[in-house]
C-alpha atoms as a PDB file:
ATOM      1  CA  UNK A   1      65.101  -7.168 -27.607  1.00  0.00           C
ATOM      2  CA  UNK A   2      62.952  -4.996 -25.584  1.00  0.00           C
ATOM      3  CA  UNK A   3      58.976  -5.165 -24.366  1.00  0.00           C
ATOM      4  CA  UNK A   4      56.530  -3.240 -22.197  1.00  0.00           C
ATOM      5  CA  UNK A   5      54.992  -5.346 -19.149  1.00  0.00           C
ATOM      6  CA  UNK A   6      51.550  -4.431 -17.856  1.00  0.00           C
ATOM      7  CA  UNK A   7      50.295  -5.901 -14.937  1.00  0.00           C
ATOM      8  CA  UNK A   8      46.563  -5.169 -13.801  1.00  0.00           C
ATOM      9  CA  UNK A   9      45.421  -8.623 -12.337  1.00  0.00           C
ATOM     10  CA  UNK A  10      44.208  -7.357  -8.898  1.00  0.00           C
ATOM     11  CA  UNK A  11      44.798  -4.229  -6.976  1.00  0.00           C
ATOM     12  CA  UNK A  12      47.975  -3.112  -8.405  1.00  0.00           C
ATOM     13  CA  UNK A  13      49.094  -1.333 -11.475  1.00  0.00           C
ATOM     14  CA  UNK A  14      52.381  -2.296 -12.601  1.00  0.00           C
ATOM     15  CA  UNK A  15      54.220  -1.027 -15.645  1.00  0.00           C
ATOM     16  CA  UNK A  16      57.621  -1.903 -16.600  1.00  0.00           C
ATOM     17  CA  UNK A  17      60.396  -2.268 -19.786  1.00  0.00           C
ATOM     18  CA  UNK A  18      62.740  -5.020 -19.878  1.00  0.00           C
ATOM     19  CA  UNK A  19      65.607  -5.461 -22.208  1.00  0.00           C
ATOM     20  CA  UNK A  20      67.476  -8.699 -22.203  1.00  0.00           C
ATOM     21  CA  UNK A  21      70.883  -7.003 -22.440  1.00  0.00           C
ATOM     22  CA  UNK A  22      70.151  -3.985 -20.087  1.00  0.00           C
ATOM     23  CA  UNK A  23      67.637  -5.705 -17.926  1.00  0.00           C
ATOM     24  CA  UNK A  24      65.084  -3.556 -16.180  1.00  0.00           C
ATOM     25  CA  UNK A  25      65.200  -0.012 -17.880  1.00  0.00           C
ATOM     26  CA  UNK A  26      62.032   1.666 -16.027  1.00  0.00           C
ATOM     27  CA  UNK A  27      59.322   0.451 -13.939  1.00  0.00           C
ATOM     28  CA  UNK A  28      56.344   2.088 -11.976  1.00  0.00           C
ATOM     29  CA  UNK A  29      53.906   0.527  -9.623  1.00  0.00           C
ATOM     30  CA  UNK A  30      50.699   2.264  -8.394  1.00  0.00           C
ATOM     31  CA  UNK A  31      48.764   0.216  -5.253  1.00  0.00           C
ATOM     32  CA  UNK A  32      45.232   0.758  -4.769  1.00  0.00           C
ATOM     33  CA  UNK A  33      45.265   0.455  -0.781  1.00  0.00           C
ATOM     34  CA  UNK A  34      43.708   3.503  -0.309  1.00  0.00           C
ATOM     35  CA  UNK A  35      41.021   2.901  -2.725  1.00  0.00           C
ATOM     36  CA  UNK A  36      39.802  -0.495  -0.933  1.00  0.00           C
ATOM     37  CA  UNK A  37      41.077   0.412   2.785  1.00  0.00           C
ATOM     38  CA  UNK A  38      37.274   1.552   3.731  1.00  0.00           C
ATOM     39  CA  UNK A  39      35.978  -1.694   2.444  1.00  0.00           C
ATOM     40  CA  UNK A  40      38.575  -4.139   4.126  1.00  0.00           C
ATOM     41  CA  UNK A  41      39.436  -5.686   1.031  1.00  0.00           C
ATOM     42  CA  UNK A  42      39.467  -5.535  -2.860  1.00  0.00           C
ATOM     43  CA  UNK A  43      36.221  -4.548  -4.468  1.00  0.00           C
ATOM     44  CA  UNK A  44      36.569  -5.777  -7.971  1.00  0.00           C
ATOM     45  CA  UNK A  45      34.812  -2.802  -9.889  1.00  0.00           C
ATOM     46  CA  UNK A  46      36.556  -0.097  -8.121  1.00  0.00           C
ATOM     47  CA  UNK A  47      40.065  -2.055  -8.899  1.00  0.00           C
ATOM     48  CA  UNK A  48      38.971  -2.203 -12.781  1.00  0.00           C
ATOM     49  CA  UNK A  49      38.208   1.500 -12.858  1.00  0.00           C
ATOM     50  CA  UNK A  50      41.349   2.516 -11.096  1.00  0.00           C
ATOM     51  CA  UNK A  51      43.490   0.401 -13.617  1.00  0.00           C
ATOM     52  CA  UNK A  52      41.495   2.257 -16.500  1.00  0.00           C
ATOM     53  CA  UNK A  53      42.747   5.501 -14.862  1.00  0.00           C
ATOM     54  CA  UNK A  54      46.413   4.647 -14.080  1.00  0.00           C
ATOM     55  CA  UNK A  55      47.681   2.226 -16.774  1.00  0.00           C
ATOM     56  CA  UNK A  56      48.131   4.574 -19.830  1.00  0.00           C
ATOM     57  CA  UNK A  57      49.715   7.485 -17.459  1.00  0.00           C
ATOM     58  CA  UNK A  58      52.061   4.933 -16.078  1.00  0.00           C
ATOM     59  CA  UNK A  59      53.107   3.993 -19.391  1.00  0.00           C
ATOM     60  CA  UNK A  60      53.853   7.231 -20.564  1.00  0.00           C
ATOM     61  CA  UNK A  61      55.900   7.634 -17.254  1.00  0.00           C
ATOM     62  CA  UNK A  62      58.185   4.543 -18.042  1.00  0.00           C
ATOM     63  CA  UNK A  63      58.575   5.268 -21.612  1.00  0.00           C
ATOM     64  CA  UNK A  64      59.802   8.778 -20.516  1.00  0.00           C
ATOM     65  CA  UNK A  65      62.113   7.487 -17.773  1.00  0.00           C
ATOM     66  CA  UNK A  66      63.578   4.931 -20.128  1.00  0.00           C
ATOM     67  CA  UNK A  67      63.939   7.797 -22.893  1.00  0.00           C
ATOM     68  CA  UNK A  68      62.173   5.358 -25.490  1.00  0.00           C
ATOM     69  CA  UNK A  69      59.244   5.608 -27.739  1.00  0.00           C
ATOM     70  CA  UNK A  70      56.865   2.970 -29.120  1.00  0.00           C
ATOM     71  CA  UNK A  71      59.265   2.360 -31.971  1.00  0.00           C
ATOM     72  CA  UNK A  72      62.064   1.103 -29.484  1.00  0.00           C
ATOM     73  CA  UNK A  73      60.156  -1.614 -28.358  1.00  0.00           C
ATOM     74  CA  UNK A  74      59.781  -5.074 -29.919  1.00  0.00           C
ATOM     75  CA  UNK A  75      56.256  -6.369 -28.009  1.00  0.00           C
ATOM     76  CA  UNK A  76      53.694  -5.541 -25.393  1.00  0.00           C
ATOM     77  CA  UNK A  77      53.027  -8.152 -22.623  1.00  0.00           C
ATOM     78  CA  UNK A  78      50.162  -8.048 -20.490  1.00  0.00           C
ATOM     79  CA  UNK A  79      48.747 -10.121 -17.713  1.00  0.00           C
ATOM     80  CA  UNK A  80      46.104 -12.467 -19.135  1.00  0.00           C
ATOM     81  CA  UNK A  81      45.114 -14.574 -15.731  1.00  0.00           C
ATOM     82  CA  UNK A  82      44.457 -15.657 -13.351  1.00  0.00           C
ATOM     83  CA  UNK A  83      43.122 -12.788 -11.538  1.00  0.00           C
ATOM     84  CA  UNK A  84      39.924 -10.634 -11.200  1.00  0.00           C
ATOM     85  CA  UNK A  85      37.997 -10.688 -14.961  1.00  0.00           C
ATOM     86  CA  UNK A  86      37.486  -7.035 -15.004  1.00  0.00           C
ATOM     87  CA  UNK A  87      40.938  -5.846 -13.917  1.00  0.00           C
ATOM     88  CA  UNK A  88      42.731  -8.518 -16.309  1.00  0.00           C
ATOM     89  CA  UNK A  89      40.208  -7.046 -18.863  1.00  0.00           C
ATOM     90  CA  UNK A  90      41.718  -3.537 -18.736  1.00  0.00           C
ATOM     91  CA  UNK A  91      45.094  -4.746 -19.301  1.00  0.00           C
ATOM     92  CA  UNK A  92      44.168  -7.136 -21.820  1.00  0.00           C
ATOM     93  CA  UNK A  93      42.303  -4.416 -23.839  1.00  0.00           C
ATOM     94  CA  UNK A  94      45.052  -1.663 -23.523  1.00  0.00           C
ATOM     95  CA  UNK A  95      47.892  -4.219 -24.005  1.00  0.00           C
ATOM     96  CA  UNK A  96      46.468  -5.661 -27.234  1.00  0.00           C
ATOM     97  CA  UNK A  97      45.320  -2.029 -28.774  1.00  0.00           C
ATOM     98  CA  UNK A  98      48.762  -0.644 -28.216  1.00  0.00           C
ATOM     99  CA  UNK A  99      50.387  -3.473 -29.585  1.00  0.00           C
ATOM    100  CA  UNK A 100      48.222  -3.346 -32.874  1.00  0.00           C
ATOM    101  CA  UNK A 101      48.445   0.509 -32.842  1.00  0.00           C
ATOM    102  CA  UNK A 102      52.330   0.327 -32.862  1.00  0.00           C
ATOM    103  CA  UNK A 103      52.425  -2.640 -34.990  1.00  0.00           C
ATOM    104  CA  UNK A 104      53.913  -4.825 -32.135  1.00  0.00           C
ATOM    105  CA  UNK A 105      53.285  -8.656 -30.862  1.00  0.00           C
ATOM    106  CA  UNK A 106      51.070  -8.785 -27.844  1.00  0.00           C
ATOM    107  CA  UNK A 107      52.117 -11.421 -25.489  1.00  0.00           C
ATOM    108  CA  UNK A 108      49.623 -12.994 -23.008  1.00  0.00           C
ATOM    109  CA  UNK A 109      51.493 -13.721 -19.898  1.00  0.00           C
ATOM    110  CA  UNK A 110      50.436 -16.148 -17.264  1.00  0.00           C
ATOM    111  CA  UNK A 111      50.262 -13.959 -13.764  1.00  0.00           C
ATOM    112  CA  UNK A 112      51.958 -16.900 -11.585  1.00  0.00           C
ATOM    113  CA  UNK A 113      54.448 -17.578 -14.012  1.00  0.00           C
ATOM    114  CA  UNK A 114      55.495 -14.103 -13.634  1.00  0.00           C
ATOM    115  CA  UNK A 115      55.880 -14.318  -9.972  1.00  0.00           C
ATOM    116  CA  UNK A 116      57.647 -17.553 -10.478  1.00  0.00           C
ATOM    117  CA  UNK A 117      60.373 -16.134 -12.819  1.00  0.00           C
ATOM    118  CA  UNK A 118      60.797 -12.749 -10.769  1.00  0.00           C
ATOM    119  CA  UNK A 119      63.849 -14.025  -9.016  1.00  0.00           C
ATOM    120  CA  UNK A 120      65.390 -14.101 -12.567  1.00  0.00           C
ATOM    121  CA  UNK A 121      65.280 -10.397 -12.273  1.00  0.00           C
ATOM    122  CA  UNK A 122      68.281 -10.790  -9.447  1.00  0.00           C
ATOM    123  CA  UNK A 123      71.785 -10.862 -10.309  1.00  0.00           C
ATOM    124  CA  UNK A 124      72.103 -14.204  -8.225  1.00  0.00           C
ATOM    125  CA  UNK A 125      69.129 -15.872 -10.305  1.00  0.00           C
ATOM    126  CA  UNK A 126      68.596 -19.775  -9.685  1.00  0.00           C
ATOM    127  CA  UNK A 127      69.453 -22.390 -12.382  1.00  0.00           C
ATOM    128  CA  UNK A 128      67.225 -24.581 -13.564  1.00  0.00           C
ATOM    129  CA  UNK A 129      65.799 -27.251 -11.919  1.00  0.00           C
ATOM    130  CA  UNK A 130      64.284 -25.817  -8.581  1.00  0.00           C
ATOM    131  CA  UNK A 131      61.430 -26.357  -6.163  1.00  0.00           C
ATOM    132  CA  UNK A 132      59.334 -22.820  -6.357  1.00  0.00           C
ATOM    133  CA  UNK A 133      56.713 -21.973  -3.585  1.00  0.00           C
ATOM    134  CA  UNK A 134      54.293 -19.457  -4.823  1.00  0.00           C
ATOM    135  CA  UNK A 135      52.698 -17.807  -1.857  1.00  0.00           C
ATOM    136  CA  UNK A 136      50.444 -15.035  -1.972  1.00  0.00           C
ATOM    137  CA  UNK A 137      46.957 -13.717  -1.149  1.00  0.00           C
ATOM    138  CA  UNK A 138      45.492 -15.696  -3.837  1.00  0.00           C
ATOM    139  CA  UNK A 139      47.487 -18.982  -4.098  1.00  0.00           C
ATOM    140  CA  UNK A 140      50.005 -21.185  -2.261  1.00  0.00           C
ATOM    141  CA  UNK A 141      51.603 -23.755  -4.313  1.00  0.00           C
ATOM    142  CA  UNK A 142      54.453 -25.739  -4.636  1.00  0.00           C
ATOM    143  CA  UNK A 143      55.841 -26.499  -8.339  1.00  0.00           C
ATOM    144  CA  UNK A 144      58.714 -28.164  -9.696  1.00  0.00           C
ATOM    145  CA  UNK A 145      60.331 -26.236 -12.266  1.00  0.00           C
ATOM    146  CA  UNK A 146      62.736 -27.798 -14.949  1.00  0.00           C
ATOM    147  CA  UNK A 147      62.798 -25.016 -17.451  1.00  0.00           C
ATOM    148  CA  UNK A 148      60.264 -22.305 -18.661  1.00  0.00           C
ATOM    149  CA  UNK A 149      56.706 -23.936 -18.893  1.00  0.00           C
ATOM    150  CA  UNK A 150      58.226 -27.174 -17.752  1.00  0.00           C
ATOM    151  CA  UNK A 151      56.077 -27.106 -14.429  1.00  0.00           C
ATOM    152  CA  UNK A 152      54.758 -29.882 -12.183  1.00  0.00           C
ATOM    153  CA  UNK A 153      52.350 -28.969  -9.741  1.00  0.00           C
ATOM    154  CA  UNK A 154      53.463 -30.892  -6.491  1.00  0.00           C
ATOM    155  CA  UNK A 155      50.879 -29.249  -3.961  1.00  0.00           C
ATOM    156  CA  UNK A 156      48.295 -26.487  -3.481  1.00  0.00           C
ATOM    157  CA  UNK A 157      46.190 -25.211  -0.768  1.00  0.00           C
ATOM    158  CA  UNK A 158      42.851 -26.947  -0.479  1.00  0.00           C
ATOM    159  CA  UNK A 159      41.055 -23.836   0.634  1.00  0.00           C
ATOM    160  CA  UNK A 160      42.339 -20.399   1.972  1.00  0.00           C
ATOM    161  CA  UNK A 161      45.883 -19.348   0.682  1.00  0.00           C
ATOM    162  CA  UNK A 162      48.388 -18.165   3.087  1.00  0.00           C
ATOM    163  CA  UNK A 163      47.932 -14.729   2.217  1.00  0.00           C
ATOM    164  CA  UNK A 164      44.482 -15.205   2.622  1.00  0.00           C
ATOM    165  CA  UNK A 165      44.713 -16.596   6.226  1.00  0.00           C
ATOM    166  CA  UNK A 166      47.113 -13.887   7.191  1.00  0.00           C
ATOM    167  CA  UNK A 167      44.548 -10.929   6.010  1.00  0.00           C
ATOM    168  CA  UNK A 168      41.755 -12.796   7.636  1.00  0.00           C
ATOM    169  CA  UNK A 169      43.395 -13.146  11.019  1.00  0.00           C
ATOM    170  CA  UNK A 170      44.543  -9.557  10.929  1.00  0.00           C
ATOM    171  CA  UNK A 171      40.903  -8.444  10.576  1.00  0.00           C
ATOM    172  CA  UNK A 172      40.057 -10.660  13.765  1.00  0.00           C
ATOM    173  CA  UNK A 173      42.943  -8.755  15.418  1.00  0.00           C
ATOM    174  CA  UNK A 174      41.518  -5.477  14.443  1.00  0.00           C
ATOM    175  CA  UNK A 175      44.174  -4.331  11.979  1.00  0.00           C
ATOM    176  CA  UNK A 176      43.535  -2.360   8.992  1.00  0.00           C
ATOM    177  CA  UNK A 177      43.820  -3.359   5.308  1.00  0.00           C
ATOM    178  CA  UNK A 178      46.149  -4.949   4.070  1.00  0.00           C
ATOM    179  CA  UNK A 179      46.347  -7.242   6.967  1.00  0.00           C
ATOM    180  CA  UNK A 180      49.091  -9.509   6.076  1.00  0.00           C
ATOM    181  CA  UNK A 181      51.962  -6.933   6.545  1.00  0.00           C
ATOM    182  CA  UNK A 182      50.204  -5.263   9.697  1.00  0.00           C
ATOM    183  CA  UNK A 183      50.073  -8.581  11.422  1.00  0.00           C
ATOM    184  CA  UNK A 184      53.701  -9.361  10.793  1.00  0.00           C
ATOM    185  CA  UNK A 185      54.427  -6.028  12.347  1.00  0.00           C
ATOM    186  CA  UNK A 186      52.517  -6.656  15.245  1.00  0.00           C
ATOM    187  CA  UNK A 187      54.119 -10.204  15.344  1.00  0.00           C
ATOM    188  CA  UNK A 188      57.463  -8.575  16.077  1.00  0.00           C
ATOM    189  CA  UNK A 189      56.183  -7.666  19.535  1.00  0.00           C
ATOM    190  CA  UNK A 190      54.647 -10.829  20.343  1.00  0.00           C
ATOM    191  CA  UNK A 191      56.429 -13.089  23.146  1.00  0.00           C
ATOM    192  CA  UNK A 192      57.586 -16.493  21.058  1.00  0.00           C
ATOM    193  CA  UNK A 193      56.008 -19.390  22.870  1.00  0.00           C
ATOM    194  CA  UNK A 194      53.230 -18.213  24.776  1.00  0.00           C
ATOM    195  CA  UNK A 195      50.337 -19.447  22.518  1.00  0.00           C
ATOM    196  CA  UNK A 196      50.520 -22.796  20.399  1.00  0.00           C
ATOM    197  CA  UNK A 197      48.649 -22.920  17.045  1.00  0.00           C
ATOM    198  CA  UNK A 198      48.564 -25.911  14.925  1.00  0.00           C
ATOM    199  CA  UNK A 199      50.649 -26.535  11.688  1.00  0.00           C
ATOM    200  CA  UNK A 200      47.801 -28.044   9.731  1.00  0.00           C
ATOM    201  CA  UNK A 201      48.337 -31.212   7.227  1.00  0.00           C
ATOM    202  CA  UNK A 202      52.107 -31.360   8.459  1.00  0.00           C
ATOM    203  CA  UNK A 203      51.221 -34.713  10.184  1.00  0.00           C
ATOM    204  CA  UNK A 204      50.197 -36.268   7.157  1.00  0.00           C
ATOM    205  CA  UNK A 205      52.146 -37.344   3.751  1.00  0.00           C
ATOM    206  CA  UNK A 206      51.543 -35.091   0.785  1.00  0.00           C
ATOM    207  CA  UNK A 207      52.325 -31.354  -0.448  1.00  0.00           C
ATOM    208  CA  UNK A 208      48.800 -29.793  -0.146  1.00  0.00           C
ATOM    209  CA  UNK A 209      48.322 -26.936   2.304  1.00  0.00           C
ATOM    210  CA  UNK A 210      45.107 -25.922   4.481  1.00  0.00           C
ATOM    211  CA  UNK A 211      45.031 -22.510   6.317  1.00  0.00           C
ATOM    212  CA  UNK A 212      41.465 -22.052   6.745  1.00  0.00           C
ATOM    213  CA  UNK A 213      41.671 -24.531  10.265  1.00  0.00           C
ATOM    214  CA  UNK A 214      44.485 -22.174  11.084  1.00  0.00           C
ATOM    215  CA  UNK A 215      42.593 -19.204  10.809  1.00  0.00           C
ATOM    216  CA  UNK A 216      39.604 -20.735  13.101  1.00  0.00           C
ATOM    217  CA  UNK A 217      41.988 -21.812  15.554  1.00  0.00           C
ATOM    218  CA  UNK A 218      43.610 -18.551  15.762  1.00  0.00           C
ATOM    219  CA  UNK A 219      39.849 -16.722  16.118  1.00  0.00           C
ATOM    220  CA  UNK A 220      38.944 -19.277  18.778  1.00  0.00           C
ATOM    221  CA  UNK A 221      42.112 -18.217  20.692  1.00  0.00           C
ATOM    222  CA  UNK A 222      41.607 -14.307  20.247  1.00  0.00           C
ATOM    223  CA  UNK A 223      37.687 -15.172  21.827  1.00  0.00           C
ATOM    224  CA  UNK A 224      39.263 -16.829  24.705  1.00  0.00           C
ATOM    225  CA  UNK A 225      42.118 -14.840  25.573  1.00  0.00           C
ATOM    226  CA  UNK A 226      40.724 -11.110  24.851  1.00  0.00           C
ATOM    227  CA  UNK A 227      36.830 -11.651  25.117  1.00  0.00           C
ATOM    228  CA  UNK A 228      34.998  -9.319  27.775  1.00  0.00           C
ATOM    229  CA  UNK A 229      35.088 -12.002  30.746  1.00  0.00           C
ATOM    230  CA  UNK A 230      38.846 -11.562  30.612  1.00  0.00           C
ATOM    231  CA  UNK A 231      38.830  -7.765  31.725  1.00  0.00           C
ATOM    232  CA  UNK A 232      42.247  -7.070  30.183  1.00  0.00           C
ATOM    233  CA  UNK A 233      43.837  -3.623  30.126  1.00  0.00           C
ATOM    234  CA  UNK A 234      44.382  -1.861  27.217  1.00  0.00           C
ATOM    235  CA  UNK A 235      48.170  -2.588  27.676  1.00  0.00           C
ATOM    236  CA  UNK A 236      47.467  -6.212  28.130  1.00  0.00           C
ATOM    237  CA  UNK A 237      44.969  -6.693  25.194  1.00  0.00           C
ATOM    238  CA  UNK A 238      47.547  -4.970  22.996  1.00  0.00           C
ATOM    239  CA  UNK A 239      50.226  -7.580  24.070  1.00  0.00           C
ATOM    240  CA  UNK A 240      47.983 -10.634  23.792  1.00  0.00           C
ATOM    241  CA  UNK A 241      46.888  -9.666  20.364  1.00  0.00           C
ATOM    242  CA  UNK A 242      50.640  -9.339  19.487  1.00  0.00           C
ATOM    243  CA  UNK A 243      51.450 -12.656  20.983  1.00  0.00           C
ATOM    244  CA  UNK A 244      48.579 -14.696  19.001  1.00  0.00           C
ATOM    245  CA  UNK A 245      49.785 -12.622  15.955  1.00  0.00           C
ATOM    246  CA  UNK A 246      53.416 -14.189  16.605  1.00  0.00           C
ATOM    247  CA  UNK A 247      51.947 -17.558  17.220  1.00  0.00           C
ATOM    248  CA  UNK A 248      50.032 -17.248  14.097  1.00  0.00           C
ATOM    249  CA  UNK A 249      52.979 -16.188  11.836  1.00  0.00           C
ATOM    250  CA  UNK A 250      55.212 -18.873  13.148  1.00  0.00           C
ATOM    251  CA  UNK A 251      52.300 -21.592  12.549  1.00  0.00           C
ATOM    252  CA  UNK A 252      52.194 -20.546   8.844  1.00  0.00           C
ATOM    253  CA  UNK A 253      56.081 -19.911   8.547  1.00  0.00           C
ATOM    254  CA  UNK A 254      56.775 -23.313  10.034  1.00  0.00           C
ATOM    255  CA  UNK A 255      54.137 -25.127   7.786  1.00  0.00           C
ATOM    256  CA  UNK A 256      55.482 -23.787   4.652  1.00  0.00           C
ATOM    257  CA  UNK A 257      58.914 -24.627   5.672  1.00  0.00           C
ATOM    258  CA  UNK A 258      57.922 -28.488   6.470  1.00  0.00           C
ATOM    259  CA  UNK A 259      56.295 -28.552   2.948  1.00  0.00           C
ATOM    260  CA  UNK A 260      59.421 -27.309   1.358  1.00  0.00           C
ATOM    261  CA  UNK A 261      61.596 -29.289   2.764  1.00  0.00           C
ATOM    262  CA  UNK A 262      59.429 -32.306   1.864  1.00  0.00           C
ATOM    263  CA  UNK A 263      59.302 -31.183  -1.507  1.00  0.00           C
ATOM    264  CA  UNK A 264      62.903 -30.861  -2.278  1.00  0.00           C
ATOM    265  CA  UNK A 265      63.661 -34.078  -0.669  1.00  0.00           C
ATOM    266  CA  UNK A 266      60.913 -35.764  -2.837  1.00  0.00           C
ATOM    267  CA  UNK A 267      62.422 -34.077  -5.999  1.00  0.00           C
ATOM    268  CA  UNK A 268      65.961 -34.528  -4.993  1.00  0.00           C
ATOM    269  CA  UNK A 269      66.606 -30.894  -5.404  1.00  0.00           C
ATOM    270  CA  UNK A 270      68.391 -28.391  -3.500  1.00  0.00           C
ATOM    271  CA  UNK A 271      67.550 -25.166  -4.989  1.00  0.00           C
ATOM    272  CA  UNK A 272      64.304 -23.374  -3.820  1.00  0.00           C
ATOM    273  CA  UNK A 273      62.728 -20.497  -5.294  1.00  0.00           C
ATOM    274  CA  UNK A 274      60.149 -18.196  -3.013  1.00  0.00           C
ATOM    275  CA  UNK A 275      58.039 -15.749  -4.801  1.00  0.00           C
ATOM    276  CA  UNK A 276      54.565 -13.877  -4.394  1.00  0.00           C
ATOM    277  CA  UNK A 277      53.492 -11.269  -1.990  1.00  0.00           C
ATOM    278  CA  UNK A 278      54.171 -13.390   1.356  1.00  0.00           C
ATOM    279  CA  UNK A 279      57.561 -13.983  -0.001  1.00  0.00           C
ATOM    280  CA  UNK A 280      58.387 -10.547   1.497  1.00  0.00           C
ATOM    281  CA  UNK A 281      57.797 -11.744   5.058  1.00  0.00           C
ATOM    282  CA  UNK A 282      60.956 -11.863   6.977  1.00  0.00           C
ATOM    283  CA  UNK A 283      60.286 -14.448   9.071  1.00  0.00           C
ATOM    284  CA  UNK A 284      59.415 -16.755   6.360  1.00  0.00           C
ATOM    285  CA  UNK A 285      62.975 -15.822   4.725  1.00  0.00           C
ATOM    286  CA  UNK A 286      64.810 -16.772   7.669  1.00  0.00           C
ATOM    287  CA  UNK A 287      63.267 -20.020   8.270  1.00  0.00           C
ATOM    288  CA  UNK A 288      63.440 -21.302   4.697  1.00  0.00           C
ATOM    289  CA  UNK A 289      67.227 -19.909   4.553  1.00  0.00           C
ATOM    290  CA  UNK A 290      67.680 -22.064   7.771  1.00  0.00           C
ATOM    291  CA  UNK A 291      65.784 -24.892   6.024  1.00  0.00           C
ATOM    292  CA  UNK A 292      67.614 -25.050   2.926  1.00  0.00           C
ATOM    293  CA  UNK A 293      71.028 -24.734   4.643  1.00  0.00           C
ATOM    294  CA  UNK A 294      70.653 -27.996   6.620  1.00  0.00           C
ATOM    295  CA  UNK A 295      69.854 -29.663   3.246  1.00  0.00           C
ATOM    296  CA  UNK A 296      73.198 -28.266   1.663  1.00  0.00           C
ATOM    297  CA  UNK A 297      71.025 -26.342  -0.566  1.00  0.00           C
ATOM    298  CA  UNK A 298      70.120 -22.507  -1.198  1.00  0.00           C
ATOM    299  CA  UNK A 299      67.030 -20.281  -1.157  1.00  0.00           C
ATOM    300  CA  UNK A 300      66.334 -17.673  -4.115  1.00  0.00           C
ATOM    301  CA  UNK A 301      63.825 -14.856  -4.026  1.00  0.00           C
ATOM    302  CA  UNK A 302      63.056 -11.426  -5.863  1.00  0.00           C
ATOM    303  CA  UNK A 303      63.569  -7.998  -3.949  1.00  0.00           C
ATOM    304  CA  UNK A 304      60.839  -7.237  -1.648  1.00  0.00           C
ATOM    305  CA  UNK A 305      59.562  -4.489  -4.395  1.00  0.00           C
ATOM    306  CA  UNK A 306      58.996  -7.600  -6.876  1.00  0.00           C
ATOM    307  CA  UNK A 307      57.525  -9.746  -4.517  1.00  0.00           C
ATOM    308  CA  UNK A 308      54.174  -8.173  -4.891  1.00  0.00           C
ATOM    309  CA  UNK A 309      52.474  -7.951  -8.174  1.00  0.00           C
ATOM    310  CA  UNK A 310      54.602  -5.771 -10.757  1.00  0.00           C
ATOM    311  CA  UNK A 311      55.176  -5.173 -14.271  1.00  0.00           C
ATOM    312  CA  UNK A 312      58.726  -6.038 -14.263  1.00  0.00           C
ATOM    313  CA  UNK A 313      57.851  -9.817 -13.710  1.00  0.00           C
ATOM    314  CA  UNK A 314      55.354  -9.562 -16.452  1.00  0.00           C
ATOM    315  CA  UNK A 315      57.823  -7.984 -18.882  1.00  0.00           C
ATOM    316  CA  UNK A 316      60.543 -10.547 -18.265  1.00  0.00           C
ATOM    317  CA  UNK A 317      58.201 -13.662 -18.464  1.00  0.00           C
ATOM    318  CA  UNK A 318      56.693 -12.085 -21.631  1.00  0.00           C
ATOM    319  CA  UNK A 319      59.945 -11.603 -23.216  1.00  0.00           C
ATOM    320  CA  UNK A 320      61.083 -14.978 -22.614  1.00  0.00           C
ATOM    321  CA  UNK A 321      57.726 -16.150 -24.313  1.00  0.00           C
ATOM    322  CA  UNK A 322      58.140 -13.838 -27.035  1.00  0.00           C
ATOM    323  CA  UNK A 323      61.762 -14.789 -27.780  1.00  0.00           C
ATOM    324  CA  UNK A 324      60.306 -18.635 -27.871  1.00  0.00           C
ATOM    325  CA  UNK A 325      57.763 -17.547 -30.523  1.00  0.00           C
ATOM    326  CA  UNK A 326      54.776 -17.654 -28.554  1.00  0.00           C
ATOM    327  CA  UNK A 327      51.586 -17.326 -30.673  1.00  0.00           C
ATOM    328  CA  UNK A 328      50.648 -13.474 -30.137  1.00  0.00           C
ATOM    329  CA  UNK A 329      46.808 -13.461 -31.521  1.00  0.00           C
ATOM    330  CA  UNK A 330      45.335 -10.688 -30.669  1.00  0.00           C
ATOM    331  CA  UNK A 331      42.055 -12.113 -29.703  1.00  0.00           C
ATOM    332  CA  UNK A 332      43.144 -13.931 -26.718  1.00  0.00           C
ATOM    333  CA  UNK A 333      40.903 -13.202 -23.771  1.00  0.00           C
ATOM    334  CA  UNK A 334      41.388 -12.726 -20.108  1.00  0.00           C
ATOM    335  CA  UNK A 335      41.321 -15.887 -18.107  1.00  0.00           C
ATOM    336  CA  UNK A 336      40.371 -15.583 -14.793  1.00  0.00           C
ATOM    337  CA  UNK A 337      41.284 -19.303 -13.679  1.00  0.00           C
ATOM    338  CA  UNK A 338      44.217 -20.718 -15.616  1.00  0.00           C
ATOM    339  CA  UNK A 339      46.292 -24.115 -14.537  1.00  0.00           C
ATOM    340  CA  UNK A 340      49.780 -22.890 -14.467  1.00  0.00           C
ATOM    341  CA  UNK A 341      50.744 -26.334 -15.552  1.00  0.00           C
ATOM    342  CA  UNK A 342      48.825 -26.159 -18.687  1.00  0.00           C
ATOM    343  CA  UNK A 343      51.392 -23.684 -19.940  1.00  0.00           C
ATOM    344  CA  UNK A 344      53.694 -24.740 -23.018  1.00  0.00           C
ATOM    345  CA  UNK A 345      57.294 -25.294 -22.384  1.00  0.00           C
ATOM    346  CA  UNK A 346      59.659 -23.129 -24.194  1.00  0.00           C
END
């Protein structure tokens, strides 16, 4: 069975074809970073318009690369939520229209389920059950996963997601959009231990996250150490920024690791999956590898190109839903807010 996947939930247009025997046959990803860079963040209207321009050409490209025609497909999967409603509507409209025109089923896919299942695209795929850390610009959550659709929400961010805190702190450090990767790169030049920032909500029971206060603490530290009264040279200021970036990244990574360890122990599980844009962070991967090893467990994650939004994860998740007989009603609407644990089990 073979399916086309369409991802347009935010600022990346992802298209892929997935075959349950051959795996990923072709995929394309277009990032809108250049479109939004001047604004310091995603502008929803511009994102929607760019998806309109890019989705169909990318679909033609993946069909050509895979040497396929629409007659070779068994379905069309598209991201139905959560995400920016305008961007979602582009993918929903195109996906459902193509499915109707090609006489194929159209499968609505939950964006976070796509991320959660992205490690299944790898040769070393995790077995159920496992704990998943979904960490991106818009979401930070811990989920117990007993099977596809068998999700128990263990904890989530009560304010800023980890990726959002990365981006906001990067902006305070004068870094360009997208800030998260730029902050991580700056942190590599930082001196470990010069500054100490809090590990929020780790001194109390539970698995929820909060990164808004950490961002505020970083802001206060930046003003204290680099304000006009400090009279720093350019080189001193640059190094101080790097040291603060290092301290901030360490605080986020430590917080996520502490909560992951707690979740694994609470669920009595050994397998941990990390997915979402922030899962590409090298420091986070290294820390979680050490954490799980100490527990006698193992950590799984997708390759970096499938950590960010992409069509391959939507195609994979859509194919599992299609094979299980998911309702493919063409009237399904885009859903900006859609609880992950509301999905039916298959």
